[in-house]
């Protein structure tokens, strides 16, 4: 006689008789996935803040080198280790205080959220961002124009092969010695660019402080058909060093 109590079906636990599910060793918990996502976001933010950052070209002022809608990758380390912007570099800079005045202040939270989204490529940088080519660095004398209509830097004519076809080097005449720690910048499409020439009467005389430079535009990352590096130019190869105050050359 069977003295062991028999369980009815309703007495059995819900999972009785089922094979235990095996969890794949490759399965990730939600917590782990969340941590990976957080690490990716933080890593991308750090890269965007310190190393590279996308910047979308908003106008035709740098054609044909850069076109409207191009997304360039800005190398933020280019000038972090002692080297400064050089003549011919294409740079992205914050024009607040030089090209743009009376910029409304952003709240700390709004500013942080926008800067984070911009670093991740999810929003455009602040409206004070500009991209131009460096034509003169601190101490340079930049003049427009010589008898042949070319811009001169430290007395040497610059043969600007990157200019938009049909553009003159400048329709605006100027003669400026670039203050130390600043840059004289111009667009490649001179007929469509608002650049240092347009701010000659402003504080700073149209120059941009070096410490407002975000980085050097080194690559075109989008659209895919435009993938390429931004070529260096030899247009300034014959330009001598700026004169040292008091005589001689550096």
Protein backbone atom coordinates (compact mmCIF):
# COMPACT_ATOMS: atom_id res chain seq x y z
CA UNK A 1 0.00 0.00 0.00
CA UNK A 2 1.31 3.36 -1.02
CA UNK A 3 1.55 5.39 2.16
CA UNK A 4 3.11 8.41 0.41
CA UNK A 5 0.71 11.26 -0.08
CA UNK A 6 0.04 11.90 -3.72
CA UNK A 7 -0.08 15.47 -4.91
CA UNK A 8 -2.90 16.48 -7.09
CA UNK A 9 -2.13 18.59 -10.14
CA UNK A 10 -3.28 21.70 -8.42
CA UNK A 11 -0.86 21.07 -5.58
CA UNK A 12 2.15 21.16 -7.89
CA UNK A 13 4.18 24.36 -8.24
CA UNK A 14 3.58 26.20 -11.52
CA UNK A 15 6.95 25.21 -12.99
CA UNK A 16 6.82 21.57 -11.96
CA UNK A 17 7.60 19.20 -14.77
CA UNK A 18 9.17 21.90 -16.92
CA UNK A 19 12.78 21.79 -17.92
CA UNK A 20 14.66 24.60 -16.27
CA UNK A 21 15.53 27.31 -18.75
CA UNK A 22 19.19 27.65 -19.41
CA UNK A 23 20.44 31.15 -19.61
CA UNK A 24 22.97 31.67 -22.32
CA UNK A 25 26.35 32.63 -21.01
CA UNK A 26 26.30 35.36 -23.64
CA UNK A 27 23.04 36.88 -22.42
CA UNK A 28 23.39 40.30 -20.82
CA UNK A 29 21.25 41.64 -18.04
CA UNK A 30 19.44 44.91 -18.49
CA UNK A 31 21.75 46.42 -15.92
CA UNK A 32 24.82 45.34 -17.90
CA UNK A 33 23.36 46.69 -21.14
CA UNK A 34 22.57 49.94 -19.36
CA UNK A 35 26.13 50.21 -18.08
CA UNK A 36 27.52 49.58 -21.55
CA UNK A 37 25.22 52.27 -22.94
CA UNK A 38 26.28 54.72 -20.25
CA UNK A 39 29.96 53.95 -20.86
CA UNK A 40 29.50 54.47 -24.60
CA UNK A 41 27.73 57.80 -24.08
CA UNK A 42 30.36 59.04 -21.62
CA UNK A 43 33.19 57.87 -23.87
CA UNK A 44 31.65 59.56 -26.90
CA UNK A 45 31.11 62.74 -24.92
CA UNK A 46 34.73 62.76 -23.76
CA UNK A 47 35.96 62.15 -27.31
CA UNK A 48 33.70 64.92 -28.58
CA UNK A 49 34.86 67.30 -25.87
CA UNK A 50 38.60 66.64 -26.05
CA UNK A 51 39.49 64.90 -29.34
CA UNK A 52 37.17 65.34 -32.33
CA UNK A 53 33.84 67.00 -32.99
CA UNK A 54 31.54 67.13 -36.03
CA UNK A 55 30.66 70.51 -37.49
CA UNK A 56 28.13 71.06 -40.26
CA UNK A 57 28.96 73.65 -42.91
CA UNK A 58 26.08 76.15 -42.94
CA UNK A 59 26.99 78.33 -45.93
CA UNK A 60 28.95 78.48 -49.16
CA UNK A 61 31.66 80.76 -47.76
CA UNK A 62 34.31 78.01 -47.98
CA UNK A 63 33.47 76.68 -51.45
CA UNK A 64 34.89 74.86 -53.31
CA UNK A 65 36.87 73.35 -50.39
CA UNK A 66 33.75 72.82 -48.28
CA UNK A 67 30.14 72.78 -49.48
CA UNK A 68 26.86 73.55 -47.76
CA UNK A 69 25.80 70.50 -45.74
CA UNK A 70 29.26 68.94 -45.51
CA UNK A 71 29.92 67.59 -42.05
CA UNK A 72 33.55 68.08 -41.21
CA UNK A 73 35.46 66.38 -38.42
CA UNK A 74 37.29 68.91 -36.28
CA UNK A 75 40.61 67.76 -34.81
CA UNK A 76 40.56 69.31 -31.33
CA UNK A 77 44.03 68.02 -30.48
CA UNK A 78 45.73 69.81 -33.38
CA UNK A 79 46.72 72.79 -31.25
CA UNK A 80 46.74 71.26 -27.76
CA UNK A 81 50.45 70.47 -27.46
CA UNK A 82 52.23 73.71 -28.24
CA UNK A 83 51.61 74.05 -31.97
CA UNK A 84 49.41 76.96 -33.01
CA UNK A 85 47.26 77.48 -36.09
CA UNK A 86 49.37 77.95 -39.21
CA UNK A 87 48.76 79.94 -42.37
CA UNK A 88 46.58 77.90 -44.69
CA UNK A 89 44.88 75.84 -41.97
CA UNK A 90 41.10 75.54 -42.14
CA UNK A 91 39.92 76.17 -38.59
CA UNK A 92 36.63 76.13 -36.70
CA UNK A 93 36.38 78.81 -34.04
CA UNK A 94 33.94 80.46 -31.67
CA UNK A 95 33.31 83.95 -33.00
CA UNK A 96 31.79 85.31 -29.77
CA UNK A 97 33.41 88.65 -29.07
CA UNK A 98 35.05 88.96 -32.49
CA UNK A 99 32.60 88.04 -35.27
CA UNK A 100 29.50 88.01 -33.05
CA UNK A 101 28.64 90.52 -30.32
CA UNK A 102 25.88 90.57 -27.75
CA UNK A 103 25.50 86.79 -27.61
CA UNK A 104 22.62 85.81 -25.27
CA UNK A 105 23.74 83.74 -22.31
CA UNK A 106 22.50 80.16 -22.00
CA UNK A 107 21.39 78.75 -18.67
CA UNK A 108 23.81 76.25 -17.13
CA UNK A 109 21.49 73.27 -17.68
CA UNK A 110 20.44 74.28 -21.20
CA UNK A 111 24.03 75.01 -22.14
CA UNK A 112 25.26 71.68 -20.80
CA UNK A 113 22.55 69.72 -22.62
CA UNK A 114 23.24 71.50 -25.90
CA UNK A 115 27.01 71.14 -25.60
CA UNK A 116 26.60 67.44 -24.83
CA UNK A 117 24.33 66.89 -27.82
CA UNK A 118 26.72 68.82 -30.07
CA UNK A 119 29.67 66.74 -28.88
CA UNK A 120 27.70 63.58 -29.73
CA UNK A 121 26.81 64.94 -33.16
CA UNK A 122 23.11 65.14 -32.26
CA UNK A 123 22.90 68.93 -32.46
CA UNK A 124 24.74 71.70 -34.19
CA UNK A 125 27.38 73.67 -32.31
CA UNK A 126 26.42 77.09 -31.00
CA UNK A 127 25.46 79.72 -33.55
CA UNK A 128 28.75 81.49 -32.87
CA UNK A 129 30.76 78.76 -34.63
CA UNK A 130 32.58 79.66 -37.87
CA UNK A 131 34.90 77.89 -40.30
CA UNK A 132 37.51 79.90 -42.21
CA UNK A 133 41.05 79.64 -43.55
CA UNK A 134 43.96 81.20 -41.66
CA UNK A 135 45.66 83.81 -43.85
CA UNK A 136 47.74 85.61 -41.21
CA UNK A 137 49.06 84.72 -37.76
CA UNK A 138 50.34 86.94 -34.95
CA UNK A 139 52.90 89.47 -36.19
CA UNK A 140 52.09 89.02 -39.90
CA UNK A 141 51.40 92.02 -42.09
CA UNK A 142 48.53 91.12 -44.42
CA UNK A 143 47.87 93.49 -47.33
CA UNK A 144 45.35 93.63 -50.15
CA UNK A 145 46.43 93.85 -52.72
CA UNK A 146 49.60 93.93 -54.84
CA UNK A 147 49.74 95.19 -58.45
CA UNK A 148 48.60 91.77 -59.67
CA UNK A 149 45.61 91.75 -57.32
CA UNK A 150 47.09 89.15 -54.95
CA UNK A 151 47.10 89.24 -51.17
CA UNK A 152 50.54 89.75 -49.66
CA UNK A 153 51.72 88.37 -46.34
CA UNK A 154 54.98 89.86 -45.02
CA UNK A 155 55.68 91.25 -48.49
CA UNK A 156 55.27 87.92 -50.31
CA UNK A 157 52.35 87.38 -52.73
CA UNK A 158 50.11 84.42 -51.95
CA UNK A 159 48.96 82.28 -54.89
CA UNK A 160 45.66 81.04 -53.52
CA UNK A 161 44.76 78.06 -55.67
CA UNK A 162 41.93 77.12 -53.31
CA UNK A 163 39.82 80.21 -54.15
CA UNK A 164 36.39 79.81 -55.69
CA UNK A 165 36.68 80.05 -59.50
CA UNK A 166 36.13 83.62 -60.65
CA UNK A 167 36.66 85.19 -57.23
CA UNK A 168 39.17 87.97 -56.72
CA UNK A 169 41.37 87.56 -53.63
CA UNK A 170 39.48 90.51 -52.17
CA UNK A 171 37.36 93.42 -53.35
CA UNK A 172 38.04 95.11 -50.00
CA UNK A 173 41.41 96.75 -49.56
CA UNK A 174 43.17 96.44 -46.21
CA UNK A 175 46.57 96.65 -44.60
CA UNK A 176 46.81 95.13 -41.14
CA UNK A 177 49.45 93.82 -38.77
CA UNK A 178 47.88 90.85 -36.97
CA UNK A 179 48.22 91.25 -33.18
CA UNK A 180 50.06 88.51 -31.32
CA UNK A 181 47.76 85.75 -30.14
CA UNK A 182 45.21 86.35 -32.91
CA UNK A 183 44.48 85.24 -36.48
CA UNK A 184 43.37 86.91 -39.69
CA UNK A 185 40.89 84.53 -41.34
CA UNK A 186 39.09 84.52 -44.69
CA UNK A 187 36.71 82.26 -46.58
CA UNK A 188 37.73 80.53 -49.81
CA UNK A 189 34.64 81.91 -51.57
CA UNK A 190 35.66 85.51 -51.13
CA UNK A 191 32.57 86.89 -52.87
CA UNK A 192 30.27 85.09 -50.39
CA UNK A 193 32.28 85.14 -47.16
CA UNK A 194 31.82 87.41 -44.18
CA UNK A 195 35.22 87.19 -42.53
CA UNK A 196 37.97 89.31 -40.98
CA UNK A 197 37.48 91.95 -43.68
CA UNK A 198 33.93 92.62 -42.51
CA UNK A 199 34.99 93.32 -38.93
CA UNK A 200 37.86 95.73 -39.50
CA UNK A 201 36.11 98.43 -37.46
CA UNK A 202 35.13 96.10 -34.62
CA UNK A 203 37.15 95.50 -31.44
CA UNK A 204 40.12 93.38 -32.43
CA UNK A 205 40.13 94.79 -35.96
CA UNK A 206 38.64 91.64 -37.47
CA UNK A 207 41.10 89.22 -35.92
CA UNK A 208 40.14 86.11 -33.93
CA UNK A 209 41.84 85.17 -30.65
CA UNK A 210 43.76 81.91 -30.94
CA UNK A 211 42.22 80.69 -27.69
CA UNK A 212 38.78 80.81 -29.37
CA UNK A 213 39.84 78.24 -31.97
CA UNK A 214 38.01 74.94 -31.41
CA UNK A 215 40.26 72.92 -33.72
CA UNK A 216 41.43 72.24 -37.25
CA UNK A 217 39.02 70.86 -39.85
CA UNK A 218 40.89 67.79 -41.09
CA UNK A 219 38.28 65.54 -42.73
CA UNK A 220 34.96 65.62 -44.54
CA UNK A 221 32.96 62.82 -42.92
CA UNK A 222 29.57 63.27 -44.59
CA UNK A 223 27.97 62.90 -47.09
CA UNK A 224 29.63 59.60 -48.02
CA UNK A 225 30.39 60.70 -51.57
CA UNK A 226 32.50 63.52 -50.12
CA UNK A 227 34.61 61.38 -47.75
CA UNK A 228 38.12 62.79 -47.87
CA UNK A 229 40.78 64.62 -45.96
CA UNK A 230 41.05 68.38 -46.29
CA UNK A 231 44.26 68.87 -48.22
CA UNK A 232 46.99 71.13 -46.90
CA UNK A 233 47.99 74.03 -49.14
CA UNK A 234 51.42 75.19 -50.21
CA UNK A 235 50.12 78.69 -51.01
CA UNK A 236 52.06 80.17 -48.08
CA UNK A 237 55.32 78.30 -48.66
CA UNK A 238 57.18 81.42 -49.81
CA UNK A 239 55.92 83.66 -47.00
CA UNK A 240 58.76 84.72 -44.68
CA UNK A 241 58.47 84.85 -40.91
CA UNK A 242 56.88 87.94 -39.47
CA UNK A 243 59.33 90.78 -38.72
CA UNK A 244 60.51 90.89 -35.13
CA UNK A 245 59.62 94.21 -33.46
CA UNK A 246 62.70 96.41 -33.46
CA UNK A 247 64.14 94.99 -36.68
CA UNK A 248 65.11 91.69 -38.23
CA UNK A 249 63.08 88.57 -38.82
CA UNK A 250 62.06 85.68 -36.56
